[in-house]
Amino acid sequence: MVRIYHNPRCSKSRQTLALIEEKGITPEIITYLDTPPSPKELSDILAKLGLQPEDILRQKEAREEGIADLTGTALIEALCAHPRAIERPIVINGDKAALGRPPENVLEIL
């Protein structure tokens, strides 16, 4: 099952969703601003991405939320509490994940 952590107001997120749907895949859509991941879910996502929490941080939003200087577990917890600071979209397919920036990045995991 393909899952996308989606923000419908983000053009890259909409483009990534359209790209997935063009491949004939109907993903599970998680509007993560309304339903943020738990710290465990976000840790699992980061492991699948092969990234650190700092790698998925939207700098401007992180500064606005006062979480830009956090690292590790503290940052993961802060990102779950302030999901607008999470880079988007993130697509999961089984044990693989990709950041949809650019949207074509997700093609390698579909």
N, C-alpha and C. Protein backbone atom coordinates (compact mmCIF):
# COMPACT_ATOMS: atom_id res chain seq x y z
N MET A 1 0.83 -1.19 0.00
CA MET A 1 0.00 0.00 0.00
C MET A 1 0.88 1.25 0.00
N VAL A 2 0.63 2.10 -0.95
CA VAL A 2 1.36 3.36 -1.04
C VAL A 2 0.63 4.40 -0.18
N ARG A 3 1.41 5.14 0.59
CA ARG A 3 0.87 6.16 1.48
C ARG A 3 1.59 7.47 1.18
N ILE A 4 0.83 8.57 1.16
CA ILE A 4 1.43 9.88 0.96
C ILE A 4 1.04 10.80 2.12
N TYR A 5 2.05 11.40 2.71
CA TYR A 5 1.84 12.44 3.72
C TYR A 5 1.72 13.73 2.93
N HIS A 6 0.51 14.23 2.85
CA HIS A 6 0.11 15.20 1.85
C HIS A 6 -0.39 16.50 2.48
N ASN A 7 -0.04 17.60 1.82
CA ASN A 7 -0.61 18.90 2.15
C ASN A 7 -1.27 19.40 0.87
N PRO A 8 -2.60 19.39 0.80
CA PRO A 8 -3.28 19.77 -0.43
C PRO A 8 -3.03 21.21 -0.87
N ARG A 9 -2.53 22.05 0.02
CA ARG A 9 -2.23 23.45 -0.35
C ARG A 9 -0.85 23.61 -0.97
N CYS A 10 -0.06 22.54 -0.99
CA CYS A 10 1.32 22.59 -1.50
C CYS A 10 1.34 22.07 -2.94
N SER A 11 1.89 22.87 -3.86
CA SER A 11 1.92 22.46 -5.26
C SER A 11 2.76 21.21 -5.49
N LYS A 12 3.90 21.09 -4.81
CA LYS A 12 4.74 19.89 -4.97
C LYS A 12 4.01 18.65 -4.47
N SER A 13 3.27 18.81 -3.39
CA SER A 13 2.50 17.69 -2.85
C SER A 13 1.40 17.29 -3.84
N ARG A 14 0.71 18.25 -4.41
CA ARG A 14 -0.35 17.95 -5.40
C ARG A 14 0.26 17.30 -6.64
N GLN A 15 1.42 17.80 -7.09
CA GLN A 15 2.08 17.21 -8.26
C GLN A 15 2.50 15.77 -7.99
N THR A 16 3.00 15.52 -6.80
CA THR A 16 3.43 14.17 -6.44
C THR A 16 2.23 13.23 -6.39
N LEU A 17 1.14 13.66 -5.80
CA LEU A 17 -0.08 12.84 -5.76
C LEU A 17 -0.56 12.54 -7.17
N ALA A 18 -0.56 13.53 -8.05
CA ALA A 18 -0.99 13.32 -9.43
C ALA A 18 -0.09 12.31 -10.13
N LEU A 19 1.21 12.39 -9.88
CA LEU A 19 2.17 11.47 -10.49
C LEU A 19 1.89 10.03 -10.05
N ILE A 20 1.60 9.84 -8.77
CA ILE A 20 1.27 8.51 -8.25
C ILE A 20 -0.01 7.99 -8.91
N GLU A 21 -1.02 8.85 -8.98
CA GLU A 21 -2.30 8.44 -9.56
C GLU A 21 -2.18 8.16 -11.05
N GLU A 22 -1.28 8.87 -11.76
CA GLU A 22 -1.03 8.60 -13.18
C GLU A 22 -0.48 7.20 -13.40
N LYS A 23 0.17 6.66 -12.38
CA LYS A 23 0.72 5.30 -12.46
C LYS A 23 -0.34 4.24 -12.13
N GLY A 24 -1.59 4.69 -11.96
CA GLY A 24 -2.68 3.77 -11.67
C GLY A 24 -2.75 3.33 -10.21
N ILE A 25 -2.07 4.07 -9.35
CA ILE A 25 -2.03 3.73 -7.92
C ILE A 25 -2.96 4.69 -7.17
N THR A 26 -3.79 4.13 -6.31
CA THR A 26 -4.63 4.94 -5.43
C THR A 26 -4.01 4.87 -4.04
N PRO A 27 -3.26 5.91 -3.66
CA PRO A 27 -2.57 5.85 -2.37
C PRO A 27 -3.50 6.17 -1.20
N GLU A 28 -3.07 5.76 -0.03
CA GLU A 28 -3.70 6.24 1.20
C GLU A 28 -3.17 7.65 1.39
N ILE A 29 -4.08 8.61 1.52
CA ILE A 29 -3.69 10.01 1.66
C ILE A 29 -3.81 10.41 3.12
N ILE A 30 -2.70 10.82 3.70
CA ILE A 30 -2.69 11.29 5.08
C ILE A 30 -2.43 12.79 5.04
N THR A 31 -3.43 13.56 5.41
CA THR A 31 -3.25 15.01 5.49
C THR A 31 -2.59 15.27 6.84
N TYR A 32 -1.26 15.27 6.79
CA TYR A 32 -0.48 15.24 8.03
C TYR A 32 -0.60 16.50 8.88
N LEU A 33 -1.10 17.59 8.32
CA LEU A 33 -1.33 18.77 9.15
C LEU A 33 -2.52 18.54 10.08
N ASP A 34 -3.50 17.75 9.61
CA ASP A 34 -4.66 17.41 10.42
C ASP A 34 -4.40 16.18 11.30
N THR A 35 -3.60 15.26 10.76
CA THR A 35 -3.30 14.00 11.46
C THR A 35 -1.80 13.80 11.46
N PRO A 36 -1.07 14.50 12.34
CA PRO A 36 0.39 14.37 12.33
C PRO A 36 0.83 12.98 12.78
N PRO A 37 1.99 12.54 12.30
CA PRO A 37 2.50 11.24 12.75
C PRO A 37 2.90 11.31 14.22
N SER A 38 2.89 10.14 14.85
CA SER A 38 3.41 10.06 16.22
C SER A 38 4.93 10.07 16.14
N PRO A 39 5.61 10.33 17.25
CA PRO A 39 7.08 10.27 17.22
C PRO A 39 7.60 8.92 16.70
N LYS A 40 6.95 7.81 17.06
CA LYS A 40 7.39 6.50 16.57
C LYS A 40 7.18 6.40 15.06
N GLU A 41 6.02 6.84 14.58
CA GLU A 41 5.76 6.81 13.14
C GLU A 41 6.79 7.66 12.39
N LEU A 42 7.07 8.84 12.90
CA LEU A 42 8.03 9.71 12.23
C LEU A 42 9.43 9.09 12.26
N SER A 43 9.79 8.46 13.35
CA SER A 43 11.09 7.76 13.42
C SER A 43 11.16 6.65 12.38
N ASP A 44 10.06 5.90 12.23
CA ASP A 44 10.01 4.83 11.22
C ASP A 44 10.12 5.40 9.81
N ILE A 45 9.44 6.51 9.57
CA ILE A 45 9.50 7.17 8.25
C ILE A 45 10.93 7.61 7.97
N LEU A 46 11.58 8.22 8.95
CA LEU A 46 12.97 8.68 8.76
C LEU A 46 13.89 7.51 8.46
N ALA A 47 13.68 6.37 9.13
CA ALA A 47 14.50 5.18 8.87
C ALA A 47 14.31 4.72 7.43
N LYS A 48 13.07 4.72 6.95
CA LYS A 48 12.80 4.31 5.56
C LYS A 48 13.41 5.29 4.57
N LEU A 49 13.39 6.57 4.92
CA LEU A 49 13.99 7.58 4.05
C LEU A 49 15.52 7.54 4.09
N GLY A 50 16.07 7.01 5.20
CA GLY A 50 17.51 7.05 5.40
C GLY A 50 17.99 8.45 5.74
N LEU A 51 17.13 9.22 6.42
CA LEU A 51 17.44 10.61 6.73
C LEU A 51 17.36 10.86 8.23
N GLN A 52 17.94 11.97 8.65
CA GLN A 52 17.86 12.44 10.02
C GLN A 52 16.72 13.45 10.10
N PRO A 53 16.20 13.71 11.31
CA PRO A 53 15.09 14.67 11.41
C PRO A 53 15.44 16.05 10.84
N GLU A 54 16.69 16.45 10.96
CA GLU A 54 17.11 17.76 10.42
C GLU A 54 16.95 17.81 8.90
N ASP A 55 17.00 16.63 8.24
CA ASP A 55 16.93 16.57 6.79
C ASP A 55 15.53 16.82 6.24
N ILE A 56 14.50 16.70 7.08
CA ILE A 56 13.12 16.92 6.62
C ILE A 56 12.52 18.18 7.24
N LEU A 57 13.38 19.04 7.71
CA LEU A 57 12.95 20.25 8.40
C LEU A 57 12.76 21.39 7.40
N ARG A 58 11.60 21.99 7.43
CA ARG A 58 11.36 23.21 6.65
C ARG A 58 11.88 24.36 7.51
N GLN A 59 12.98 24.95 7.09
CA GLN A 59 13.70 25.91 7.93
C GLN A 59 12.86 27.11 8.36
N LYS A 60 12.16 27.73 7.43
CA LYS A 60 11.37 28.92 7.77
C LYS A 60 10.32 28.58 8.82
N GLU A 61 9.58 27.51 8.59
CA GLU A 61 8.53 27.11 9.53
C GLU A 61 9.13 26.68 10.87
N ALA A 62 10.28 26.02 10.84
CA ALA A 62 10.94 25.58 12.08
C ALA A 62 11.35 26.80 12.91
N ARG A 63 11.87 27.84 12.25
CA ARG A 63 12.23 29.07 12.97
C ARG A 63 10.97 29.71 13.57
N GLU A 64 9.90 29.76 12.77
CA GLU A 64 8.65 30.37 13.26
C GLU A 64 8.09 29.61 14.45
N GLU A 65 8.28 28.30 14.46
CA GLU A 65 7.76 27.46 15.56
C GLU A 65 8.74 27.40 16.74
N GLY A 66 9.95 27.94 16.56
CA GLY A 66 10.94 27.93 17.62
C GLY A 66 11.60 26.58 17.84
N ILE A 67 11.65 25.76 16.77
CA ILE A 67 12.23 24.41 16.91
C ILE A 67 13.46 24.20 16.04
N ALA A 68 13.95 25.24 15.40
CA ALA A 68 15.04 25.12 14.43
C ALA A 68 16.34 24.62 15.03
N ASP A 69 16.55 24.84 16.32
CA ASP A 69 17.83 24.46 16.94
C ASP A 69 17.79 23.09 17.61
N LEU A 70 16.66 22.41 17.55
CA LEU A 70 16.55 21.09 18.17
C LEU A 70 17.19 20.03 17.28
N THR A 71 17.54 18.90 17.87
CA THR A 71 18.10 17.77 17.12
C THR A 71 17.54 16.47 17.70
N GLY A 72 17.77 15.40 16.96
CA GLY A 72 17.45 14.06 17.45
C GLY A 72 16.01 13.88 17.89
N THR A 73 15.84 13.16 19.00
CA THR A 73 14.52 12.83 19.53
C THR A 73 13.71 14.07 19.86
N ALA A 74 14.35 15.09 20.38
CA ALA A 74 13.63 16.33 20.71
C ALA A 74 13.05 16.96 19.44
N LEU A 75 13.79 16.90 18.35
CA LEU A 75 13.28 17.45 17.09
C LEU A 75 12.15 16.60 16.55
N ILE A 76 12.27 15.28 16.64
CA ILE A 76 11.19 14.41 16.18
C ILE A 76 9.90 14.74 16.93
N GLU A 77 9.98 14.86 18.24
CA GLU A 77 8.80 15.19 19.03
C GLU A 77 8.25 16.57 18.66
N ALA A 78 9.14 17.53 18.44
CA ALA A 78 8.71 18.88 18.06
C ALA A 78 8.05 18.88 16.68
N LEU A 79 8.57 18.10 15.75
CA LEU A 79 7.97 18.03 14.42
C LEU A 79 6.57 17.44 14.48
N CYS A 80 6.36 16.48 15.35
CA CYS A 80 5.02 15.89 15.50
C CYS A 80 4.05 16.90 16.11
N ALA A 81 4.56 17.75 17.00
CA ALA A 81 3.73 18.79 17.61
C ALA A 81 3.52 19.98 16.67
N HIS A 82 4.44 20.18 15.72
CA HIS A 82 4.38 21.29 14.77
C HIS A 82 4.59 20.75 13.35
N PRO A 83 3.61 19.98 12.84
CA PRO A 83 3.82 19.27 11.57
C PRO A 83 4.04 20.17 10.35
N ARG A 84 3.69 21.44 10.44
CA ARG A 84 3.92 22.31 9.27
C ARG A 84 5.42 22.50 9.01
N ALA A 85 6.25 22.14 9.97
CA ALA A 85 7.70 22.23 9.79
C ALA A 85 8.29 20.97 9.14
N ILE A 86 7.45 19.98 8.83
CA ILE A 86 7.91 18.76 8.16
C ILE A 86 7.90 19.00 6.65
N GLU A 87 9.01 18.68 5.99
CA GLU A 87 9.09 18.80 4.53
C GLU A 87 8.06 17.86 3.91
N ARG A 88 7.51 18.27 2.81
CA ARG A 88 6.45 17.49 2.17
C ARG A 88 6.65 17.43 0.68
N PRO A 89 6.02 16.49 0.04
CA PRO A 89 5.31 15.33 0.58
C PRO A 89 6.28 14.18 0.83
N ILE A 90 5.88 13.28 1.68
CA ILE A 90 6.64 12.05 1.91
C ILE A 90 5.77 10.90 1.44
N VAL A 91 6.35 10.02 0.62
CA VAL A 91 5.62 8.88 0.09
C VAL A 91 6.27 7.61 0.63
N ILE A 92 5.43 6.69 1.12
CA ILE A 92 5.88 5.42 1.66
C ILE A 92 5.32 4.31 0.78
N ASN A 93 6.16 3.34 0.46
CA ASN A 93 5.71 2.14 -0.25
C ASN A 93 6.42 0.96 0.39
N GLY A 94 5.71 0.27 1.29
CA GLY A 94 6.31 -0.85 2.00
C GLY A 94 7.43 -0.38 2.90
N ASP A 95 8.64 -0.91 2.66
CA ASP A 95 9.79 -0.53 3.50
C ASP A 95 10.64 0.56 2.85
N LYS A 96 10.09 1.18 1.79
CA LYS A 96 10.81 2.25 1.10
C LYS A 96 10.04 3.56 1.25
N ALA A 97 10.77 4.65 1.17
CA ALA A 97 10.14 5.97 1.26
C ALA A 97 10.94 6.95 0.41
N ALA A 98 10.26 8.01 -0.01
CA ALA A 98 10.93 9.06 -0.79
C ALA A 98 10.27 10.40 -0.47
N LEU A 99 11.07 11.42 -0.54
CA LEU A 99 10.61 12.79 -0.38
C LEU A 99 10.28 13.30 -1.78
N GLY A 100 9.08 13.82 -1.97
CA GLY A 100 8.64 14.26 -3.29
C GLY A 100 9.13 15.64 -3.66
N ARG A 101 10.40 15.89 -3.51
CA ARG A 101 11.03 17.15 -3.93
C ARG A 101 12.30 16.82 -4.69
N PRO A 102 12.24 16.77 -6.00
CA PRO A 102 11.10 17.01 -6.86
C PRO A 102 10.15 15.81 -6.87
N PRO A 103 8.93 16.00 -7.39
CA PRO A 103 7.95 14.91 -7.37
C PRO A 103 8.46 13.62 -8.01
N GLU A 104 9.30 13.72 -9.02
CA GLU A 104 9.82 12.53 -9.72
C GLU A 104 10.63 11.62 -8.81
N ASN A 105 11.08 12.12 -7.67
CA ASN A 105 11.83 11.27 -6.73
C ASN A 105 11.05 10.03 -6.32
N VAL A 106 9.71 10.14 -6.27
CA VAL A 106 8.92 9.01 -5.77
C VAL A 106 8.82 7.88 -6.78
N LEU A 107 9.12 8.14 -8.04
CA LEU A 107 9.00 7.09 -9.06
C LEU A 107 9.87 5.89 -8.76
N GLU A 108 11.02 6.10 -8.14
CA GLU A 108 11.92 4.98 -7.88
C GLU A 108 11.43 4.03 -6.81
N ILE A 109 10.40 4.40 -6.04
CA ILE A 109 9.89 3.49 -5.01
C ILE A 109 8.50 2.91 -5.36
N LEU A 110 7.93 3.32 -6.49
CA LEU A 110 6.59 2.84 -6.85
C LEU A 110 6.64 1.49 -7.53
